[in-house]
Amino acid sequence: MSNSIEELEAQIAALEKKIADEPRRLLDEKKRKQKMEEERLAIMPPSDEVLKQRREKMHKVEMTRGEASNARMDQAKDGVLLVLLLAAIGMMAFWLFTALQGA
């Protein structure tokens, strides 16, 4: 029985060591990937198409102030229309309810 407990403790210790080493391993892997990317960029400059795709992606990600303002105004208009629609539905339901009760 004590042999299996010792084996379990050894396994637990090994797993704890592996867990403790994981952040360092991930950091090393990240550094290795960055180094490979830097080497790739140093060897060959990116093509015009790659640069164009990067610029398009950045343009899509970054919204200008005017675009952001327009988006907020559109959302506000949509909110007002939603409230009006719900009020109209409520009024129609109330009218239908009162009409059916009177009949």
Protein backbone atom coordinates (compact mmCIF):
# COMPACT_ATOMS: atom_id res chain seq x y z
CA MET A 1 0.00 0.00 0.00
CA SER A 2 2.78 2.42 0.92
CA ASN A 3 4.46 1.70 -2.39
CA SER A 4 1.44 2.95 -4.35
CA ILE A 5 1.22 6.05 -2.16
CA GLU A 6 4.88 6.79 -2.85
CA GLU A 7 4.29 6.30 -6.56
CA LEU A 8 1.30 8.66 -6.44
CA GLU A 9 3.35 11.25 -4.56
CA ALA A 10 6.10 10.94 -7.16
CA GLN A 11 3.54 11.40 -9.95
CA ILE A 12 2.07 14.41 -8.17
CA ALA A 13 5.54 15.93 -7.76
CA ALA A 14 6.29 15.34 -11.45
CA LEU A 15 3.00 16.96 -12.47
CA GLU A 16 3.60 19.95 -10.17
CA LYS A 17 7.04 20.40 -11.73
CA LYS A 18 5.53 20.20 -15.21
CA ILE A 19 2.88 22.79 -14.28
CA ALA A 20 5.54 25.09 -12.84
CA ASP A 21 7.63 24.79 -16.04
CA GLU A 22 4.66 25.47 -18.37
CA PRO A 23 4.72 29.33 -18.26
CA ARG A 24 8.45 29.33 -18.99
CA ARG A 25 7.94 26.89 -21.87
CA LEU A 26 5.16 29.04 -23.33
CA LEU A 27 7.32 32.16 -23.05
CA ASP A 28 10.21 30.37 -24.76
CA GLU A 29 7.88 29.22 -27.53
CA LYS A 30 6.58 32.78 -28.00
CA LYS A 31 10.11 34.15 -28.17
CA ARG A 32 11.09 31.46 -30.66
CA LYS A 33 8.14 32.33 -32.92
CA GLN A 34 8.95 36.05 -32.72
CA LYS A 35 12.57 35.35 -33.60
CA MET A 36 11.53 33.21 -36.57
CA GLU A 37 9.19 35.97 -37.78
CA GLU A 38 11.93 38.60 -37.43
CA GLU A 39 14.36 36.39 -39.34
CA ARG A 40 11.79 35.82 -42.07
CA LEU A 41 11.18 39.56 -42.38
CA ALA A 42 14.92 40.28 -42.40
CA ILE A 43 15.54 37.78 -45.17
CA MET A 44 12.76 38.81 -47.51
CA PRO A 45 10.68 41.99 -47.41
CA PRO A 46 6.93 41.47 -47.53
CA SER A 47 5.35 41.62 -50.94
CA ASP A 48 3.13 44.49 -52.02
CA GLU A 49 0.08 42.27 -51.75
CA VAL A 50 0.87 41.38 -48.13
CA LEU A 51 1.38 45.05 -47.31
CA LYS A 52 -1.89 45.92 -49.03
CA GLN A 53 -3.75 43.24 -47.03
CA ARG A 54 -2.24 44.54 -43.78
CA ARG A 55 -3.28 48.12 -44.60
CA GLU A 56 -6.82 46.98 -45.46
CA LYS A 57 -7.05 45.00 -42.24
CA MET A 58 -5.87 47.98 -40.16
CA HIS A 59 -8.36 50.24 -41.95
CA LYS A 60 -11.19 47.83 -41.15
CA VAL A 61 -10.10 47.57 -37.52
CA GLU A 62 -9.62 51.28 -36.93
CA MET A 63 -12.82 53.25 -37.21
CA THR A 64 -12.67 56.97 -37.75
CA ARG A 65 -14.41 59.33 -35.37
CA GLY A 66 -17.04 60.18 -37.96
CA GLU A 67 -17.82 56.52 -38.60
CA ALA A 68 -18.13 55.88 -34.88
CA SER A 69 -20.41 58.90 -34.48
CA ASN A 70 -22.58 57.76 -37.39
CA ALA A 71 -22.83 54.27 -35.93
CA ARG A 72 -23.99 55.68 -32.57
CA MET A 73 -26.60 57.88 -34.27
CA ASP A 74 -27.86 54.92 -36.30
CA GLN A 75 -28.19 52.84 -33.13
CA ALA A 76 -30.08 55.67 -31.42
CA LYS A 77 -32.47 55.96 -34.37
CA ASP A 78 -33.00 52.20 -34.34
CA GLY A 79 -33.75 52.35 -30.61
CA VAL A 80 -36.36 55.08 -31.09
CA LEU A 81 -38.00 53.13 -33.90
CA LEU A 82 -38.06 50.00 -31.74
CA VAL A 83 -39.79 51.89 -28.91
CA LEU A 84 -42.35 53.33 -31.33
CA LEU A 85 -42.99 49.89 -32.82
CA LEU A 86 -43.50 48.34 -29.40
CA ALA A 87 -45.85 51.18 -28.42
CA ALA A 88 -47.87 50.64 -31.62
CA ILE A 89 -48.10 46.91 -30.96
CA GLY A 90 -49.22 47.61 -27.41
CA MET A 91 -51.88 50.04 -28.57
CA MET A 92 -53.17 47.57 -31.18
CA ALA A 93 -53.33 44.82 -28.54
CA PHE A 94 -55.19 47.15 -26.15
CA TRP A 95 -57.62 48.20 -28.90
CA LEU A 96 -58.23 44.55 -29.85
CA PHE A 97 -58.79 43.61 -26.20
CA THR A 98 -61.30 46.41 -25.63
CA ALA A 99 -63.09 45.67 -28.91
CA LEU A 100 -63.45 42.01 -28.04
CA GLN A 101 -64.72 42.78 -24.53
CA GLY A 102 -67.39 45.12 -25.89
CA ALA A 103 -68.69 42.51 -28.33
